[in-house]
N, C-alpha and C. Protein backbone atom coordinates (compact mmCIF):
# COMPACT_ATOMS: atom_id res chain seq x y z
N UNK A 1 15.05 -92.12 -34.41
CA UNK A 1 14.60 -91.67 -33.23
C UNK A 1 14.54 -90.65 -32.54
N UNK A 2 16.19 -90.10 -32.78
CA UNK A 2 16.32 -88.67 -31.60
C UNK A 2 16.04 -87.52 -32.59
N UNK A 3 15.80 -87.90 -34.41
CA UNK A 3 15.52 -86.80 -34.45
C UNK A 3 13.67 -86.43 -33.94
N UNK A 4 13.21 -87.71 -34.15
CA UNK A 4 11.56 -87.32 -33.42
C UNK A 4 11.77 -87.04 -32.37
N UNK A 5 12.55 -86.85 -31.15
CA UNK A 5 12.79 -86.59 -30.25
C UNK A 5 12.67 -85.14 -29.94
N UNK A 6 14.24 -84.82 -30.92
CA UNK A 6 14.43 -83.27 -30.84
C UNK A 6 13.01 -82.49 -31.48
N UNK A 7 12.56 -83.17 -32.20
CA UNK A 7 11.40 -82.15 -32.87
C UNK A 7 10.05 -82.21 -32.06
N UNK A 8 9.85 -83.21 -31.25
CA UNK A 8 8.61 -83.08 -29.76
C UNK A 8 9.23 -81.74 -28.90
N UNK A 9 10.64 -81.99 -28.63
CA UNK A 9 10.95 -80.90 -27.52
C UNK A 9 10.76 -79.63 -28.63
N UNK A 10 11.25 -79.33 -29.83
CA UNK A 10 10.82 -78.41 -30.03
C UNK A 10 9.42 -77.88 -30.48
N UNK A 11 8.70 -79.09 -31.02
CA UNK A 11 7.70 -78.23 -30.83
C UNK A 11 6.69 -77.81 -29.12
N UNK A 12 7.21 -78.43 -28.56
CA UNK A 12 7.09 -78.08 -26.99
C UNK A 12 7.48 -76.88 -26.76
N UNK A 13 8.39 -76.39 -27.10
CA UNK A 13 8.97 -75.15 -26.43
C UNK A 13 7.98 -73.81 -27.07
N UNK A 14 8.17 -74.48 -28.22
CA UNK A 14 7.14 -73.42 -29.17
C UNK A 14 5.90 -72.85 -28.54
N UNK A 15 5.35 -74.09 -28.23
CA UNK A 15 3.79 -74.49 -27.52
C UNK A 15 3.97 -73.53 -26.27
N UNK A 16 4.63 -73.90 -25.69
CA UNK A 16 5.21 -73.01 -24.11
C UNK A 16 4.83 -71.25 -24.74
N UNK A 17 5.79 -71.19 -25.29
CA UNK A 17 6.06 -69.54 -25.98
C UNK A 17 4.72 -69.19 -26.07
N UNK A 18 4.13 -69.81 -27.25
CA UNK A 18 3.07 -69.41 -27.63
C UNK A 18 1.57 -68.94 -26.02
N UNK A 19 1.81 -70.20 -25.80
CA UNK A 19 0.69 -69.91 -24.48
C UNK A 19 1.02 -68.20 -23.66
N UNK A 20 2.38 -68.29 -23.15
CA UNK A 20 2.85 -66.88 -22.56
C UNK A 20 2.63 -66.00 -23.26
N UNK A 21 2.81 -65.87 -24.53
CA UNK A 21 2.43 -64.43 -25.47
C UNK A 21 1.10 -64.07 -25.18
N UNK A 22 0.45 -65.49 -25.71
CA UNK A 22 -1.05 -65.15 -25.40
C UNK A 22 -1.77 -64.25 -24.30
N UNK A 23 -1.03 -64.98 -23.11
CA UNK A 23 -1.73 -64.56 -21.82
C UNK A 23 -1.19 -63.19 -21.56
N UNK A 24 -0.10 -62.77 -21.88
CA UNK A 24 0.50 -61.25 -21.90
C UNK A 24 -0.42 -60.80 -22.93
N UNK A 25 -0.85 -60.69 -23.83
CA UNK A 25 -1.51 -60.01 -24.69
C UNK A 25 -3.12 -59.69 -24.04
N UNK A 26 -3.13 -60.71 -23.64
CA UNK A 26 -4.93 -60.74 -23.02
C UNK A 26 -4.74 -59.74 -21.90
N UNK A 27 -3.62 -59.90 -20.81
CA UNK A 27 -3.99 -59.15 -19.62
C UNK A 27 -3.57 -57.60 -19.76
N UNK A 28 -2.90 -57.49 -20.99
CA UNK A 28 -2.66 -55.94 -21.59
C UNK A 28 -4.01 -55.41 -22.12
N UNK A 29 -4.37 -56.43 -23.10
CA UNK A 29 -5.80 -56.38 -23.70
C UNK A 29 -6.64 -55.63 -22.71
N UNK A 30 -6.86 -56.20 -21.42
CA UNK A 30 -7.86 -55.93 -20.13
C UNK A 30 -7.23 -55.01 -19.56
N UNK A 31 -6.21 -54.67 -19.64
CA UNK A 31 -5.97 -52.64 -18.86
C UNK A 31 -6.29 -52.07 -19.70
N UNK A 32 -6.09 -52.00 -21.21
CA UNK A 32 -6.64 -51.25 -22.27
C UNK A 32 -7.57 -50.77 -22.27
N UNK A 33 -8.45 -51.84 -22.09
CA UNK A 33 -10.15 -52.00 -21.88
C UNK A 33 -10.25 -51.43 -20.49
N UNK A 34 -9.73 -51.46 -19.54
CA UNK A 34 -10.44 -50.74 -18.32
C UNK A 34 -11.19 -51.85 -17.52
N UNK A 35 -10.49 -52.87 -17.61
CA UNK A 35 -11.44 -54.30 -16.09
C UNK A 35 -11.23 -53.34 -14.94
N UNK A 36 -12.37 -53.88 -14.40
CA UNK A 36 -12.34 -53.17 -13.01
C UNK A 36 -11.09 -53.69 -11.76
N UNK A 37 -10.44 -54.71 -12.29
CA UNK A 37 -9.45 -54.96 -11.24
C UNK A 37 -8.12 -54.25 -11.42
N UNK A 38 -8.07 -53.35 -12.63
CA UNK A 38 -7.01 -52.52 -13.04
C UNK A 38 -7.63 -51.29 -12.80
N UNK A 39 -8.95 -50.97 -12.70
CA UNK A 39 -9.25 -49.23 -12.84
C UNK A 39 -9.27 -48.98 -11.12
N UNK A 40 -8.52 -48.78 -10.58
CA UNK A 40 -8.88 -48.24 -8.92
C UNK A 40 -9.06 -46.77 -8.80
N UNK A 41 -10.02 -46.59 -9.08
CA UNK A 41 -10.73 -45.45 -9.14
C UNK A 41 -10.89 -45.20 -8.00
N UNK A 42 -11.22 -45.63 -6.65
CA UNK A 42 -11.42 -44.92 -5.31
C UNK A 42 -9.70 -44.73 -4.62
N UNK A 43 -8.98 -45.99 -5.31
CA UNK A 43 -7.57 -45.41 -4.49
C UNK A 43 -6.90 -44.40 -5.21
N UNK A 44 -6.81 -44.48 -6.46
CA UNK A 44 -6.75 -42.94 -7.20
C UNK A 44 -7.56 -41.35 -6.20
N UNK A 45 -8.55 -41.63 -5.80
CA UNK A 45 -8.68 -40.38 -4.94
C UNK A 45 -8.07 -40.48 -3.89
N UNK A 46 -7.93 -41.13 -3.04
CA UNK A 46 -7.42 -41.12 -2.04
C UNK A 46 -6.18 -40.63 -1.96
N UNK A 47 -5.25 -41.31 -3.45
CA UNK A 47 -3.95 -40.28 -3.34
C UNK A 47 -3.74 -39.40 -3.51
N UNK A 48 -4.50 -38.95 -4.10
CA UNK A 48 -5.02 -37.26 -4.15
C UNK A 48 -5.19 -36.44 -3.13
N UNK A 49 -6.05 -37.49 -2.50
CA UNK A 49 -6.45 -36.45 -1.09
C UNK A 49 -4.94 -36.49 0.05
N UNK A 50 -4.46 -37.32 -0.36
CA UNK A 50 -2.97 -37.56 0.61
C UNK A 50 -2.20 -36.80 0.22
N UNK A 51 -1.83 -36.53 -1.00
CA UNK A 51 -0.73 -35.49 -1.74
C UNK A 51 -1.22 -34.20 -0.96
N UNK A 52 -2.90 -33.55 -1.05
CA UNK A 52 -3.16 -32.35 -0.58
C UNK A 52 -2.82 -31.99 0.71
N UNK A 53 -3.19 -33.29 1.67
CA UNK A 53 -3.05 -33.28 3.12
C UNK A 53 -1.26 -32.88 3.31
N UNK A 54 -0.84 -33.74 2.70
CA UNK A 54 0.83 -33.41 3.10
C UNK A 54 1.34 -32.45 2.21
N UNK A 55 0.93 -31.76 1.71
CA UNK A 55 1.49 -30.04 1.29
C UNK A 55 1.12 -29.51 1.97
N UNK A 56 0.01 -29.07 2.90
CA UNK A 56 -0.28 -28.53 4.06
C UNK A 56 0.49 -28.82 5.20
N UNK A 57 0.96 -29.78 5.22
CA UNK A 57 1.46 -30.37 6.54
C UNK A 57 2.90 -29.43 6.97
N UNK A 58 3.19 -28.08 7.10
CA UNK A 58 4.19 -27.26 7.36
C UNK A 58 4.30 -27.28 8.62
N UNK A 59 5.59 -27.51 9.26
CA UNK A 59 5.99 -27.71 10.87
C UNK A 59 6.43 -26.26 10.72
N UNK A 60 6.67 -25.75 10.15
CA UNK A 60 7.90 -24.16 10.60
C UNK A 60 6.38 -23.19 10.75
N UNK A 61 6.58 -22.08 11.31
CA UNK A 61 5.86 -21.03 11.31
C UNK A 61 5.61 -20.48 9.88
N UNK A 62 4.48 -20.00 9.78
CA UNK A 62 3.97 -19.34 8.76
C UNK A 62 3.62 -17.73 8.60
N UNK A 63 4.20 -17.32 7.77
CA UNK A 63 4.22 -15.91 7.77
C UNK A 63 3.13 -15.41 7.15
N UNK A 64 2.36 -14.92 7.35
CA UNK A 64 0.99 -14.41 6.29
C UNK A 64 1.15 -12.88 6.41
N UNK A 65 1.51 -12.02 7.16
CA UNK A 65 1.64 -10.57 6.81
C UNK A 65 2.88 -9.95 7.50
N UNK A 66 3.37 -8.89 6.90
CA UNK A 66 4.63 -8.09 6.93
C UNK A 66 4.21 -6.80 7.13
N UNK A 67 4.27 -6.32 8.24
CA UNK A 67 4.10 -5.11 8.53
C UNK A 67 4.82 -3.71 8.74
N UNK A 68 5.07 -2.92 8.03
CA UNK A 68 6.21 -2.08 7.94
C UNK A 68 5.66 -0.95 9.50
N UNK A 69 6.21 -0.86 10.40
CA UNK A 69 5.58 -0.14 11.37
C UNK A 69 6.30 1.05 11.89
N UNK A 70 5.94 2.48 12.05
CA UNK A 70 6.72 3.56 12.38
C UNK A 70 5.52 4.67 13.37
N UNK A 71 6.49 4.73 14.70
CA UNK A 71 5.22 5.62 15.31
C UNK A 71 6.51 6.28 16.40
N UNK A 72 6.08 7.26 17.17
CA UNK A 72 6.79 8.15 18.36
C UNK A 72 6.60 7.82 19.82
N UNK A 73 6.85 7.41 20.92
CA UNK A 73 6.48 6.68 21.99
C UNK A 73 7.20 8.11 22.71
N UNK A 74 6.07 8.50 23.96
CA UNK A 74 6.31 9.46 24.58
C UNK A 74 6.05 8.92 26.04
N UNK A 75 7.35 9.50 27.03
CA UNK A 75 6.90 8.52 28.63
C UNK A 75 7.49 10.46 28.92
N UNK A 76 6.45 10.57 30.20
CA UNK A 76 6.69 11.52 30.85
C UNK A 76 6.59 11.57 32.79
N UNK A 77 8.04 11.74 33.51
CA UNK A 77 8.01 11.89 34.82
C UNK A 77 8.19 12.90 35.16
N UNK A 78 7.51 12.86 36.20
CA UNK A 78 7.80 14.38 37.68
C UNK A 78 7.90 13.92 38.84
N UNK A 79 8.38 14.73 39.84
CA UNK A 79 8.46 14.44 41.00
C UNK A 79 7.08 14.79 42.39
N UNK A 80 6.77 13.86 42.79
CA UNK A 80 5.70 14.19 43.64
C UNK A 80 6.01 14.55 45.28
N UNK A 81 5.39 15.69 45.93
CA UNK A 81 5.51 15.58 47.07
C UNK A 81 4.25 15.41 47.89
N UNK A 82 4.06 14.71 48.89
CA UNK A 82 3.06 14.64 49.46
C UNK A 82 1.67 14.40 48.78
N UNK A 83 1.72 13.56 47.90
CA UNK A 83 0.63 13.55 46.69
C UNK A 83 0.40 14.67 45.79
N UNK A 84 1.29 15.68 45.68
CA UNK A 84 1.01 17.09 44.90
C UNK A 84 2.02 16.99 43.87
N UNK A 85 1.91 17.21 42.59
CA UNK A 85 3.18 17.04 41.68
C UNK A 85 3.70 18.44 41.67
N UNK A 86 4.81 18.14 41.60
CA UNK A 86 6.13 19.33 42.05
C UNK A 86 6.14 20.26 40.59
N UNK A 87 5.88 21.40 40.69
CA UNK A 87 6.02 22.12 39.28
C UNK A 87 7.71 22.13 39.00
N UNK A 88 7.82 22.02 37.72
CA UNK A 88 8.83 22.19 37.24
C UNK A 88 10.07 21.22 37.08
N UNK A 89 9.42 20.03 37.45
CA UNK A 89 10.24 18.80 37.85
C UNK A 89 9.65 17.44 36.42
N UNK A 90 9.33 18.22 35.83
CA UNK A 90 8.81 17.42 34.70
C UNK A 90 9.61 17.53 33.96
N UNK A 91 10.33 15.59 33.46
CA UNK A 91 10.79 15.10 32.28
C UNK A 91 10.20 14.20 31.06
N UNK A 92 10.18 14.40 29.75
CA UNK A 92 9.72 14.36 28.87
C UNK A 92 10.27 13.75 27.91
N UNK A 93 10.28 12.37 27.26
CA UNK A 93 11.15 11.95 26.30
C UNK A 93 10.46 11.38 25.23
N UNK A 94 10.87 11.32 23.97
CA UNK A 94 10.00 11.42 22.85
C UNK A 94 10.84 10.32 22.23
N UNK A 95 10.56 8.89 21.55
CA UNK A 95 11.47 8.27 21.05
C UNK A 95 10.95 7.51 19.81
N UNK A 96 11.36 7.69 18.55
CA UNK A 96 11.02 7.61 17.60
C UNK A 96 11.34 6.13 17.10
N UNK A 97 10.41 5.08 16.51
CA UNK A 97 10.98 3.83 16.20
C UNK A 97 10.17 3.66 14.98
N UNK A 98 10.96 2.31 14.35
CA UNK A 98 10.76 1.76 12.69
C UNK A 98 10.85 0.23 13.19
N UNK A 99 10.01 -0.58 12.50
CA UNK A 99 10.72 -1.95 12.28
C UNK A 99 9.74 -2.64 11.68
N UNK A 100 9.88 -3.98 11.22
CA UNK A 100 9.17 -4.67 10.35
C UNK A 100 8.45 -5.66 10.94
N UNK A 101 7.08 -5.75 11.51
CA UNK A 101 6.81 -7.21 12.18
C UNK A 101 6.03 -8.16 11.14
N UNK A 102 6.38 -9.20 11.60
CA UNK A 102 6.12 -10.39 11.46
C UNK A 102 4.92 -11.49 11.58
N UNK A 103 4.11 -11.42 11.05
CA UNK A 103 2.63 -12.30 11.43
C UNK A 103 1.74 -13.32 10.71
N UNK A 104 1.84 -14.24 12.09
CA UNK A 104 1.11 -15.55 11.03
C UNK A 104 0.70 -16.45 12.35
N UNK A 105 1.06 -17.80 11.64
CA UNK A 105 0.38 -18.78 12.70
C UNK A 105 1.49 -19.96 12.40
N UNK A 106 1.33 -20.85 13.67
CA UNK A 106 2.49 -22.32 14.10
C UNK A 106 1.65 -23.22 12.85
N UNK A 107 2.51 -23.54 12.04
CA UNK A 107 2.25 -24.40 10.66
C UNK A 107 1.59 -25.73 11.48
N UNK A 108 2.65 -26.07 12.60
CA UNK A 108 2.36 -27.34 12.87
C UNK A 108 0.87 -27.74 13.75
N UNK A 109 0.32 -26.56 14.00
CA UNK A 109 -1.11 -26.78 14.84
C UNK A 109 -2.45 -26.24 13.49
N UNK A 110 -2.03 -26.13 12.40
CA UNK A 110 -2.93 -26.48 11.49
C UNK A 110 -3.45 -27.55 11.59
N UNK A 111 -4.66 -27.75 11.20
CA UNK A 111 -5.32 -29.07 10.92
C UNK A 111 -6.62 -29.12 10.01
N UNK A 112 -5.84 -29.93 8.99
CA UNK A 112 -6.68 -30.57 7.64
C UNK A 112 -7.74 -31.42 7.51
N UNK A 113 -8.80 -31.27 7.40
CA UNK A 113 -9.89 -32.49 7.81
C UNK A 113 -10.45 -32.70 6.19
N UNK A 114 -10.13 -33.75 5.51
CA UNK A 114 -10.93 -34.15 4.27
C UNK A 114 -12.58 -34.37 4.21
N UNK A 115 -13.15 -33.65 3.40
CA UNK A 115 -15.37 -33.55 3.79
C UNK A 115 -15.31 -34.32 2.53
N UNK A 116 -16.19 -35.14 2.29
CA UNK A 116 -16.79 -36.07 1.14
C UNK A 116 -15.35 -36.35 0.11
N UNK A 117 -15.86 -36.09 -0.77
CA UNK A 117 -15.03 -36.62 -1.97
C UNK A 117 -13.92 -35.45 -2.71
N UNK A 118 -14.10 -34.34 -2.47
CA UNK A 118 -13.64 -33.17 -3.20
C UNK A 118 -13.72 -32.07 -2.06
N UNK A 119 -13.60 -31.71 -0.73
CA UNK A 119 -13.66 -30.99 -0.24
C UNK A 119 -12.56 -30.82 1.32
N UNK A 120 -12.20 -29.72 1.94
CA UNK A 120 -11.32 -30.13 2.73
C UNK A 120 -11.64 -28.71 3.81
N UNK A 121 -11.69 -29.21 5.23
CA UNK A 121 -12.02 -28.27 6.08
C UNK A 121 -10.75 -28.15 6.81
N UNK A 122 -10.49 -26.40 6.90
CA UNK A 122 -9.00 -26.24 7.47
C UNK A 122 -9.24 -25.32 8.85
N UNK A 123 -8.73 -26.02 9.92
CA UNK A 123 -8.68 -25.14 11.09
C UNK A 123 -7.47 -24.46 11.72
N UNK A 124 -7.54 -23.14 11.29
CA UNK A 124 -6.47 -22.24 11.41
C UNK A 124 -6.22 -22.06 13.49
N UNK A 125 -5.25 -22.13 13.40
CA UNK A 125 -5.05 -21.38 15.21
C UNK A 125 -4.86 -20.15 15.32
N UNK A 126 -4.89 -19.48 16.84
CA UNK A 126 -4.79 -18.51 16.79
C UNK A 126 -3.17 -18.06 16.08
N UNK A 127 -3.37 -16.57 15.55
CA UNK A 127 -2.61 -16.08 15.01
C UNK A 127 -1.52 -15.41 16.01
N UNK A 128 -0.02 -15.46 15.64
CA UNK A 128 0.95 -14.99 16.44
C UNK A 128 1.73 -13.96 15.86
N UNK A 129 2.64 -13.17 16.42
CA UNK A 129 3.69 -12.34 16.47
C UNK A 129 5.04 -13.20 16.38
N UNK A 130 5.34 -13.47 15.29
CA UNK A 130 6.78 -14.54 14.76
C UNK A 130 7.38 -13.82 14.99
N UNK A 131 7.91 -12.29 14.94
CA UNK A 131 9.30 -12.17 14.85
C UNK A 131 9.14 -10.27 14.44
N UNK A 132 10.32 -9.65 14.03
CA UNK A 132 10.76 -8.37 13.92
C UNK A 132 11.66 -8.24 13.52
N UNK A 133 12.29 -7.41 12.65
CA UNK A 133 13.46 -6.77 11.87
C UNK A 133 13.59 -5.58 11.44
N UNK A 134 14.64 -4.95 11.14
CA UNK A 134 14.96 -3.67 10.60
C UNK A 134 14.56 -2.83 11.66
N UNK A 135 14.66 -3.03 13.06
CA UNK A 135 14.34 -2.57 14.14
C UNK A 135 15.36 -1.05 14.56
N UNK A 136 14.99 -0.08 14.55
CA UNK A 136 15.47 1.50 14.54
C UNK A 136 14.92 2.21 15.89
N UNK A 137 15.17 2.56 16.79
CA UNK A 137 14.95 3.55 17.99
C UNK A 137 15.97 5.07 17.89
N UNK A 138 15.69 5.75 18.21
CA UNK A 138 16.25 6.79 18.35
C UNK A 138 15.34 8.04 18.97
N UNK A 139 15.92 8.76 20.20
CA UNK A 139 15.71 9.51 21.31
C UNK A 139 15.22 10.45 20.28
N UNK A 140 13.96 10.92 19.85
CA UNK A 140 13.71 12.22 18.95
C UNK A 140 14.05 13.58 19.58
N UNK A 141 13.48 13.73 21.01
CA UNK A 141 13.42 15.16 21.47
C UNK A 141 13.53 14.21 23.09
N UNK A 142 13.86 15.62 23.71
CA UNK A 142 13.59 15.71 25.46
C UNK A 142 13.20 17.29 25.87
N UNK A 143 12.74 17.05 27.20
CA UNK A 143 11.73 18.22 27.25
C UNK A 143 11.95 18.16 28.93
N UNK A 144 12.86 19.08 29.42
CA UNK A 144 12.99 18.98 31.00
C UNK A 144 12.88 20.22 31.68
N UNK A 145 12.18 20.34 32.85
CA UNK A 145 11.60 21.40 33.48
C UNK A 145 12.99 22.12 34.10
N UNK A 146 12.56 23.07 34.77
CA UNK A 146 13.90 23.98 35.47
C UNK A 146 14.32 22.89 36.68
N UNK A 147 13.46 22.00 37.35
CA UNK A 147 13.68 21.74 38.71
C UNK A 147 13.83 20.19 38.19
N UNK A 148 13.89 20.05 36.87
CA UNK A 148 14.11 18.07 36.65
C UNK A 148 15.03 17.45 36.88
N UNK A 149 16.09 17.89 37.39
CA UNK A 149 17.35 17.49 38.12
C UNK A 149 16.87 16.90 39.13
N UNK A 150 15.26 16.80 39.90
CA UNK A 150 14.77 15.94 41.31
C UNK A 150 13.89 15.01 40.45
N UNK A 151 13.82 14.30 39.28
CA UNK A 151 13.32 13.61 38.73
C UNK A 151 14.36 12.85 38.32
N UNK A 152 14.37 10.93 38.04
CA UNK A 152 15.15 10.43 38.13
C UNK A 152 14.98 10.20 36.36
N UNK A 153 16.44 9.88 35.96
CA UNK A 153 16.09 10.14 34.08
C UNK A 153 15.21 8.85 33.61
N UNK A 154 14.62 9.06 32.96
CA UNK A 154 13.49 8.72 32.13
C UNK A 154 14.08 6.90 31.36
N UNK A 155 14.23 5.80 31.62
CA UNK A 155 14.78 4.51 31.21
C UNK A 155 14.51 4.30 29.24
N UNK A 156 15.25 4.69 28.97
CA UNK A 156 14.71 4.48 27.82
C UNK A 156 14.50 3.01 26.77
N UNK A 157 15.55 2.36 27.70
CA UNK A 157 14.89 0.62 27.35
C UNK A 157 13.82 0.40 27.84
N UNK A 158 13.56 0.65 28.65
CA UNK A 158 12.12 0.17 29.06
C UNK A 158 10.87 0.98 27.86
N UNK A 159 11.14 1.85 28.13
CA UNK A 159 10.32 2.45 26.88
C UNK A 159 10.16 1.77 25.56
N UNK A 160 11.34 1.29 25.15
CA UNK A 160 11.57 0.15 23.74
C UNK A 160 10.80 -0.79 24.09
N UNK A 161 11.26 -1.68 25.15
CA UNK A 161 10.50 -2.95 25.60
C UNK A 161 8.83 -2.94 25.49
N UNK A 162 8.44 -2.07 26.20
CA UNK A 162 7.33 -1.48 25.72
C UNK A 162 6.40 -2.07 24.46
N UNK A 163 7.20 -0.95 23.57
CA UNK A 163 6.91 -0.92 22.14
C UNK A 163 6.77 -2.25 21.68
N UNK A 164 7.48 -3.49 22.35
CA UNK A 164 7.53 -4.77 21.30
C UNK A 164 6.94 -6.13 22.71
N UNK A 165 6.31 -5.60 24.02
CA UNK A 165 6.15 -6.33 24.73
C UNK A 165 4.92 -7.20 24.07
N UNK A 166 4.33 -8.04 25.07
CA UNK A 166 3.43 -8.94 24.60
C UNK A 166 2.16 -8.08 24.20
N UNK A 167 1.91 -7.36 25.55
CA UNK A 167 0.61 -6.69 24.89
C UNK A 167 0.54 -5.94 23.74
N UNK A 168 1.86 -5.48 23.45
CA UNK A 168 2.06 -4.48 22.03
C UNK A 168 1.53 -5.72 20.99
N UNK A 169 2.60 -6.90 20.99
CA UNK A 169 1.96 -7.89 19.89
C UNK A 169 0.46 -8.07 19.81
N UNK A 170 -0.05 -8.25 20.83
CA UNK A 170 -1.37 -8.68 20.84
C UNK A 170 -2.20 -7.21 19.95
N UNK A 171 -1.78 -6.54 20.10
CA UNK A 171 -2.41 -5.13 19.72
C UNK A 171 -1.91 -5.38 18.06
N UNK A 172 -0.82 -5.72 17.92
CA UNK A 172 -0.75 -5.53 16.02
C UNK A 172 -1.51 -6.64 15.93
N UNK A 173 -1.83 -7.96 16.30
CA UNK A 173 -2.69 -8.99 15.76
C UNK A 173 -4.24 -8.57 15.39
N UNK A 174 -4.29 -7.97 16.62
CA UNK A 174 -5.95 -7.69 16.95
C UNK A 174 -6.42 -6.46 15.79
N UNK A 175 -5.57 -5.60 15.68
CA UNK A 175 -5.21 -4.24 14.46
C UNK A 175 -5.64 -4.98 13.07
N UNK A 176 -4.81 -5.92 12.80
CA UNK A 176 -4.88 -6.70 11.07
C UNK A 176 -5.38 -8.07 11.24
N UNK A 177 -6.12 -8.24 12.33
CA UNK A 177 -7.05 -9.56 12.39
C UNK A 177 -7.49 -10.01 10.91
N UNK A 178 -8.41 -9.03 10.50
CA UNK A 178 -9.10 -9.18 9.53
C UNK A 178 -8.31 -9.69 8.52
N UNK A 179 -7.48 -9.10 7.92
CA UNK A 179 -6.18 -9.03 6.78
C UNK A 179 -5.61 -10.44 7.06
N UNK A 180 -5.34 -10.70 8.27
CA UNK A 180 -4.55 -12.33 8.50
C UNK A 180 -5.60 -13.64 8.02
N UNK A 181 -6.91 -13.30 8.12
CA UNK A 181 -8.03 -14.19 8.03
C UNK A 181 -8.17 -14.65 6.48
N UNK A 182 -7.89 -13.01 5.80
CA UNK A 182 -8.20 -13.08 4.29
C UNK A 182 -6.52 -13.51 3.56
N UNK A 183 -5.45 -13.53 4.43
CA UNK A 183 -4.61 -13.97 4.05
C UNK A 183 -4.21 -15.12 3.68
N UNK A 184 -4.79 -15.55 5.23
CA UNK A 184 -4.71 -17.26 5.64
C UNK A 184 -5.91 -18.33 4.62
N UNK A 185 -6.83 -17.63 4.16
CA UNK A 185 -7.80 -18.23 3.09
C UNK A 185 -7.40 -18.17 1.78
N UNK A 186 -6.16 -17.05 1.47
CA UNK A 186 -5.99 -16.90 0.07
C UNK A 186 -4.65 -18.06 0.27
N UNK A 187 -4.04 -18.48 1.14
CA UNK A 187 -2.62 -18.76 1.17
C UNK A 187 -2.67 -20.45 1.06
N UNK A 188 -4.08 -20.95 1.54
CA UNK A 188 -4.17 -22.65 1.93
C UNK A 188 -5.44 -22.80 0.53
N UNK A 189 -5.94 -21.97 0.39
CA UNK A 189 -6.77 -22.16 -0.95
C UNK A 189 -6.03 -22.24 -2.43
N UNK A 190 -5.01 -21.58 -1.96
CA UNK A 190 -4.00 -21.48 -3.12
C UNK A 190 -3.32 -22.86 -3.42
N UNK A 191 -2.55 -23.11 -2.10
CA UNK A 191 -2.23 -24.51 -2.22
C UNK A 191 -3.00 -25.51 -2.74
N UNK A 192 -4.20 -25.62 -1.93
CA UNK A 192 -5.39 -27.15 -2.30
C UNK A 192 -5.50 -26.71 -3.73
N UNK A 193 -5.83 -25.61 -4.13
CA UNK A 193 -6.22 -25.70 -5.79
C UNK A 193 -5.19 -26.19 -6.59
N UNK A 194 -4.05 -25.64 -6.62
CA UNK A 194 -2.59 -26.26 -7.05
C UNK A 194 -2.81 -27.46 -7.20
N UNK A 195 -3.21 -28.28 -6.51
CA UNK A 195 -2.91 -29.75 -6.73
C UNK A 195 -4.45 -30.50 -6.96
N UNK A 196 -5.89 -29.56 -6.28
CA UNK A 196 -7.07 -30.01 -6.81
C UNK A 196 -7.90 -29.00 -7.04
N UNK A 197 -8.03 -28.64 -8.46
CA UNK A 197 -8.16 -27.10 -9.13
C UNK A 197 -10.17 -27.13 -8.35
N UNK A 198 -10.35 -28.18 -8.60
CA UNK A 198 -11.92 -27.86 -8.38
C UNK A 198 -12.34 -28.39 -6.59
N UNK A 199 -11.36 -28.42 -5.97
CA UNK A 199 -11.51 -28.69 -4.23
C UNK A 199 -12.34 -27.39 -3.74
N UNK A 200 -13.45 -28.04 -2.79
CA UNK A 200 -13.62 -26.87 -2.06
C UNK A 200 -13.14 -26.77 -0.95
N UNK A 201 -12.80 -25.42 -0.47
CA UNK A 201 -11.95 -25.02 0.87
C UNK A 201 -12.93 -24.28 1.55
N UNK A 202 -12.83 -24.53 2.82
CA UNK A 202 -13.37 -23.92 4.03
C UNK A 202 -12.50 -23.75 5.01
N UNK A 203 -12.33 -22.53 5.50
CA UNK A 203 -11.59 -22.11 7.04
C UNK A 203 -12.48 -21.96 7.79
N UNK A 204 -12.06 -22.41 9.43
CA UNK A 204 -12.65 -22.06 10.53
C UNK A 204 -11.48 -21.52 10.98
N UNK A 205 -11.51 -20.33 11.92
CA UNK A 205 -10.57 -20.05 12.64
C UNK A 205 -10.34 -20.15 14.47
N UNK A 206 -9.45 -20.48 14.74
CA UNK A 206 -9.64 -20.78 16.55
C UNK A 206 -9.14 -20.23 17.12
N UNK A 207 -9.01 -20.02 18.45
CA UNK A 207 -8.75 -18.80 19.35
C UNK A 207 -9.49 -17.46 19.24
């Protein structure tokens, strides 16, 4: 009787194991053959889009162009009496300057919109003057008239500030706007193509 009971339990255990192995083989075969419930093609496409968008979401400022700027700034002052320039009181100062300017955009203000199955529309904000480095200024020359002592000295610090003030920064951007647009297109297209080589990338410049 005990022998029969042990044999029955053994057969039952083998039957359960066979059922489990068979189920595992069926599931594996279904995955290999591409059952619809295992082939989430739509989900895969959405994941690719998310990866591309996240790779473009840069919070820091993006430098698109670095300029090496050199020039000479001239400032002339003279004394005036009753609306008439006084001869011989003229003072002229020439300042030679050079610096590297960085132009670009605020990365956090870039907007990326997926379009269709394989397209992206990227909205680029206004270009900005990010900063400068390697700044060098020196008084290159001065010309003073015989009566120049009547005219206050020229403020060289003010001259330097004018070279880098808001109006000057806007001028650097406007002068190089076409190049900045080309750089923005190359920069963001390169990132997207690195993840999705067949993607259709379009840019729109705001501001």
